[in-house]
N, C-alpha and C. Protein backbone atom coordinates (compact mmCIF):
# COMPACT_ATOMS: atom_id res chain seq x y z
N MET A 1 11.89 6.90 -0.12
CA MET A 1 11.63 5.79 0.82
C MET A 1 12.98 4.96 0.94
N THR A 2 13.40 4.38 2.15
CA THR A 2 14.42 3.49 2.19
C THR A 2 14.00 2.12 1.33
N ILE A 3 14.92 1.15 1.38
CA ILE A 3 14.64 -0.40 0.84
C ILE A 3 13.91 -0.52 2.19
N GLN A 4 14.41 -0.51 3.39
CA GLN A 4 13.85 -0.99 4.64
C GLN A 4 12.32 -0.87 4.79
N LYS A 5 12.02 0.56 4.50
CA LYS A 5 10.54 0.96 4.49
C LYS A 5 9.87 0.53 3.42
N ALA A 6 10.14 0.15 2.38
CA ALA A 6 9.94 -0.54 1.32
C ALA A 6 9.29 -1.97 1.69
N ALA A 7 10.31 -2.53 2.02
CA ALA A 7 10.02 -4.22 2.83
C ALA A 7 9.14 -3.98 3.57
N LYS A 8 8.75 -2.96 4.69
CA LYS A 8 8.04 -3.25 5.77
C LYS A 8 6.63 -3.00 5.03
N LEU A 9 6.65 -1.99 3.84
CA LEU A 9 5.26 -1.70 3.42
C LEU A 9 4.60 -3.10 2.65
N LEU A 10 5.61 -3.70 1.90
CA LEU A 10 5.39 -4.99 1.14
C LEU A 10 4.83 -5.92 2.22
N LYS A 11 5.44 -6.06 3.42
CA LYS A 11 5.14 -7.13 4.37
C LYS A 11 3.65 -6.89 4.88
N TYR A 12 3.44 -5.44 5.05
CA TYR A 12 2.31 -5.03 5.46
C TYR A 12 1.03 -5.16 4.61
N VAL A 13 1.43 -5.11 3.21
CA VAL A 13 0.27 -5.43 2.08
C VAL A 13 0.06 -6.53 2.13
N MET A 14 1.18 -7.85 2.13
CA MET A 14 0.74 -9.06 2.45
C MET A 14 0.23 -9.61 3.41
N GLU A 15 0.00 -9.05 4.55
CA GLU A 15 -0.67 -9.29 5.68
C GLU A 15 -1.87 -8.90 5.88
N ASN A 16 -1.99 -7.12 5.24
CA ASN A 16 -3.59 -7.07 5.21
C ASN A 16 -4.37 -6.56 4.25
N ASN A 17 -3.76 -6.59 3.09
CA ASN A 17 -4.34 -6.33 1.97
C ASN A 17 -4.10 -7.25 0.73
N SER A 18 -3.66 -8.33 1.08
CA SER A 18 -3.52 -9.21 -0.16
C SER A 18 -4.67 -10.32 -0.47
N TRP A 19 -4.44 -10.71 -1.87
CA TRP A 19 -5.59 -11.65 -2.14
C TRP A 19 -5.43 -12.92 -1.21
N LYS A 20 -4.17 -13.27 -0.99
CA LYS A 20 -3.97 -14.40 -0.30
C LYS A 20 -4.30 -14.34 1.04
N GLU A 21 -4.71 -13.40 1.61
CA GLU A 21 -5.31 -13.05 3.13
C GLU A 21 -6.82 -12.75 2.75
N TYR A 22 -7.31 -12.56 1.67
CA TYR A 22 -8.93 -12.08 1.49
C TYR A 22 -9.09 -10.91 1.77
N ALA A 23 -8.28 -9.96 1.43
CA ALA A 23 -8.56 -8.70 2.07
C ALA A 23 -10.04 -8.22 1.89
N ALA A 24 -10.60 -8.49 0.80
CA ALA A 24 -11.86 -8.00 0.51
C ALA A 24 -12.74 -8.27 1.53
N MET A 25 -12.72 -9.57 1.97
CA MET A 25 -13.73 -9.95 3.19
C MET A 25 -13.49 -8.82 4.38
N HIS A 26 -12.40 -8.11 4.66
CA HIS A 26 -12.26 -7.28 5.60
C HIS A 26 -12.49 -5.98 5.25
N GLY A 27 -12.95 -5.42 4.08
CA GLY A 27 -13.15 -4.24 3.63
C GLY A 27 -12.32 -3.66 3.43
N ARG A 28 -11.07 -3.90 3.07
CA ARG A 28 -9.94 -3.17 2.56
C ARG A 28 -9.49 -3.12 0.81
N HIS A 29 -8.89 -2.21 0.77
CA HIS A 29 -8.19 -2.08 -0.77
C HIS A 29 -7.49 -3.46 -1.09
N MET A 30 -7.50 -4.16 -2.28
CA MET A 30 -7.00 -5.51 -2.45
C MET A 30 -6.08 -5.63 -3.91
N PRO A 31 -5.20 -4.85 -3.86
CA PRO A 31 -4.21 -5.06 -5.11
C PRO A 31 -3.69 -6.14 -5.29
N LYS A 32 -3.64 -6.68 -6.61
CA LYS A 32 -3.16 -7.85 -7.17
C LYS A 32 -1.65 -7.78 -7.21
N TYR A 33 -1.29 -6.71 -7.49
CA TYR A 33 0.36 -6.52 -8.07
C TYR A 33 0.64 -5.24 -7.40
N VAL A 34 1.81 -5.19 -7.04
CA VAL A 34 2.74 -4.07 -6.33
C VAL A 34 3.90 -3.90 -6.81
N ASP A 35 4.21 -2.52 -7.81
CA ASP A 35 5.56 -2.26 -8.24
C ASP A 35 6.08 -1.26 -7.34
N ILE A 36 7.49 -1.13 -7.28
CA ILE A 36 8.45 -0.57 -6.50
C ILE A 36 9.22 -0.05 -7.60
N ARG A 37 9.47 1.52 -7.88
CA ARG A 37 10.56 2.09 -8.24
C ARG A 37 11.65 2.38 -7.47
N MET A 38 12.98 2.01 -7.84
CA MET A 38 13.86 2.61 -7.08
C MET A 38 14.97 3.00 -7.91
N ASP A 39 15.51 4.05 -7.59
CA ASP A 39 16.50 4.81 -8.26
C ASP A 39 17.82 4.00 -7.65
N THR A 40 18.54 3.79 -8.71
CA THR A 40 19.78 2.90 -8.28
C THR A 40 21.05 3.87 -7.79
N ARG A 41 20.65 5.17 -8.32
CA ARG A 41 21.73 6.06 -8.00
C ARG A 41 22.08 6.18 -6.73
N ASP A 42 20.79 6.50 -5.83
CA ASP A 42 20.90 6.36 -4.29
C ASP A 42 20.47 5.35 -3.40
N GLY A 43 19.45 4.30 -4.31
CA GLY A 43 19.10 3.49 -3.45
C GLY A 43 17.76 3.80 -2.89
N GLU A 44 17.12 4.89 -3.39
CA GLU A 44 15.86 5.15 -2.79
C GLU A 44 14.54 4.89 -3.60
N VAL A 45 13.46 4.18 -3.04
CA VAL A 45 12.30 3.76 -3.60
C VAL A 45 11.52 5.39 -3.62
N PHE A 46 11.20 5.67 -4.97
CA PHE A 46 10.43 6.89 -5.16
C PHE A 46 8.85 6.90 -5.60
N SER A 47 8.82 5.46 -5.89
CA SER A 47 7.50 5.56 -6.48
C SER A 47 6.72 3.92 -6.00
N VAL A 48 5.42 3.75 -5.85
CA VAL A 48 4.92 2.45 -5.31
C VAL A 48 3.56 2.70 -5.96
N SER A 49 3.36 1.33 -6.98
CA SER A 49 2.10 1.31 -7.81
C SER A 49 1.29 0.31 -7.40
N PHE A 50 0.08 -0.01 -7.29
CA PHE A 50 -0.92 -0.97 -6.79
C PHE A 50 -1.58 -1.09 -8.11
N SER A 51 -1.91 -2.41 -8.35
CA SER A 51 -2.76 -2.67 -9.66
C SER A 51 -3.68 -4.02 -9.54
N GLY A 52 -4.58 -4.05 -10.41
CA GLY A 52 -5.29 -5.65 -10.29
C GLY A 52 -6.90 -4.88 -10.07
N ALA A 53 -7.60 -5.25 -8.92
CA ALA A 53 -8.53 -5.07 -8.47
C ALA A 53 -9.02 -3.63 -8.12
N ASP A 54 -7.69 -2.84 -7.47
CA ASP A 54 -7.40 -1.62 -7.24
C ASP A 54 -6.30 -0.92 -7.62
N GLU A 55 -6.61 0.30 -8.39
CA GLU A 55 -5.25 0.91 -9.10
C GLU A 55 -5.03 2.24 -8.58
N LYS A 56 -3.71 2.53 -8.24
CA LYS A 56 -3.55 3.54 -7.55
C LYS A 56 -1.91 3.70 -7.59
N THR A 57 -1.34 5.05 -8.01
CA THR A 57 0.24 5.04 -8.01
C THR A 57 0.31 6.10 -6.96
N PHE A 58 1.59 6.00 -6.20
CA PHE A 58 2.08 6.93 -5.20
C PHE A 58 3.42 7.59 -5.30
N ARG A 59 3.98 8.63 -5.38
CA ARG A 59 5.17 9.32 -4.78
C ARG A 59 5.40 8.87 -3.57
N VAL A 60 6.65 8.60 -3.07
CA VAL A 60 7.00 8.48 -1.79
C VAL A 60 8.50 8.89 -1.59
N GLU A 61 8.40 10.36 -1.47
CA GLU A 61 9.46 10.76 -1.47
C GLU A 61 9.64 11.23 0.13
N SER A 62 8.96 11.14 0.78
CA SER A 62 8.89 11.91 2.50
C SER A 62 8.00 10.72 3.20
N ASP A 63 8.30 10.41 4.43
CA ASP A 63 7.28 10.11 5.39
C ASP A 63 6.11 10.45 5.17
N LYS A 64 5.78 11.54 4.73
CA LYS A 64 4.17 11.73 4.90
C LYS A 64 3.73 11.50 3.43
N ASP A 65 4.64 11.17 2.25
CA ASP A 65 3.99 10.41 1.29
C ASP A 65 3.60 9.11 1.82
N LEU A 66 4.48 8.51 2.49
CA LEU A 66 4.15 6.96 2.73
C LEU A 66 3.20 7.03 3.73
N GLU A 67 2.90 7.93 4.65
CA GLU A 67 1.63 7.80 5.58
C GLU A 67 0.52 7.83 4.70
N GLU A 68 0.66 8.42 3.26
CA GLU A 68 -0.81 8.40 2.37
C GLU A 68 -0.78 6.99 2.12
N VAL A 69 0.30 6.50 1.41
CA VAL A 69 -0.15 4.99 0.98
C VAL A 69 -0.52 4.25 2.21
N TYR A 70 -0.41 4.08 3.44
CA TYR A 70 -0.88 3.23 4.34
C TYR A 70 -2.59 3.76 4.42
N GLU A 71 -2.66 5.24 4.42
CA GLU A 71 -4.02 5.55 4.77
C GLU A 71 -4.72 4.90 3.73
N TRP A 72 -4.67 5.08 2.47
CA TRP A 72 -4.87 4.21 1.09
C TRP A 72 -5.39 2.88 1.53
N LEU A 73 -4.12 2.42 1.96
CA LEU A 73 -4.40 0.77 1.99
C LEU A 73 -5.50 0.37 3.28
N ASN A 74 -5.88 1.11 4.11
CA ASN A 74 -6.75 1.22 5.29
C ASN A 74 -8.01 1.88 5.01
N GLU A 75 -7.96 2.53 4.03
CA GLU A 75 -9.25 3.65 3.64
C GLU A 75 -10.85 2.48 3.64
N TYR A 76 -10.82 1.38 3.06
CA TYR A 76 -11.82 0.85 2.85
C TYR A 76 -12.43 0.28 4.43
N LEU A 77 -11.37 0.01 5.15
CA LEU A 77 -11.49 -0.58 6.37
C LEU A 77 -12.25 0.74 7.20
N LYS A 78 -11.81 2.00 7.00
CA LYS A 78 -12.12 2.93 7.70
C LYS A 78 -13.66 3.22 7.06
N GLU A 79 -13.98 3.14 6.09
CA GLU A 79 -15.36 3.42 5.57
C GLU A 79 -16.39 2.51 6.11
N ARG A 80 -15.80 1.05 6.20
CA ARG A 80 -16.83 0.16 6.75
C ARG A 80 -16.97 0.29 8.10
N ASP A 81 -15.89 0.85 8.76
CA ASP A 81 -16.40 0.99 10.33
C ASP A 81 -17.20 1.86 10.65
N LEU A 82 -17.18 3.11 9.59
CA LEU A 82 -18.06 4.28 9.76
C LEU A 82 -19.57 3.95 9.64
N HIS A 83 -19.63 2.92 8.56
CA HIS A 83 -21.21 2.59 8.33
C HIS A 83 -21.72 1.55 9.32
N ALA A 84 -20.87 0.58 10.42
CA ALA A 84 -21.04 -0.07 11.13
C ALA A 84 -21.54 0.70 12.68
N LYS A 85 -21.33 2.10 12.74
CA LYS A 85 -21.76 2.89 13.80
C LYS A 85 -22.93 3.53 13.66
C-alpha cells in the first residue's frame, strides 16, 4: 500500500470509526489505536493493525487486501443494517 493510500485510510478511520466521532453509536468497529508498518526500503506500507476495543491486524500488499480492511471497518454497520430489515 502506498503512503497516499495509507493516509486516505487513516482519514477514513478518523471520520468513520474513531472514538472522537463516536463510531460505536453508529454500529461500527471502533479501534482506539492504529499502527502502520512501512518498509523504508521501498516506502510501501505492508501492515496495518487496529487495537483497543477492537483488535485486528491486516497484511496490505495489494488493493484486494486494502478492500478487506475497509470491509472490516464497515462490518458492524452492515450487520446492524441487516438486523434493521
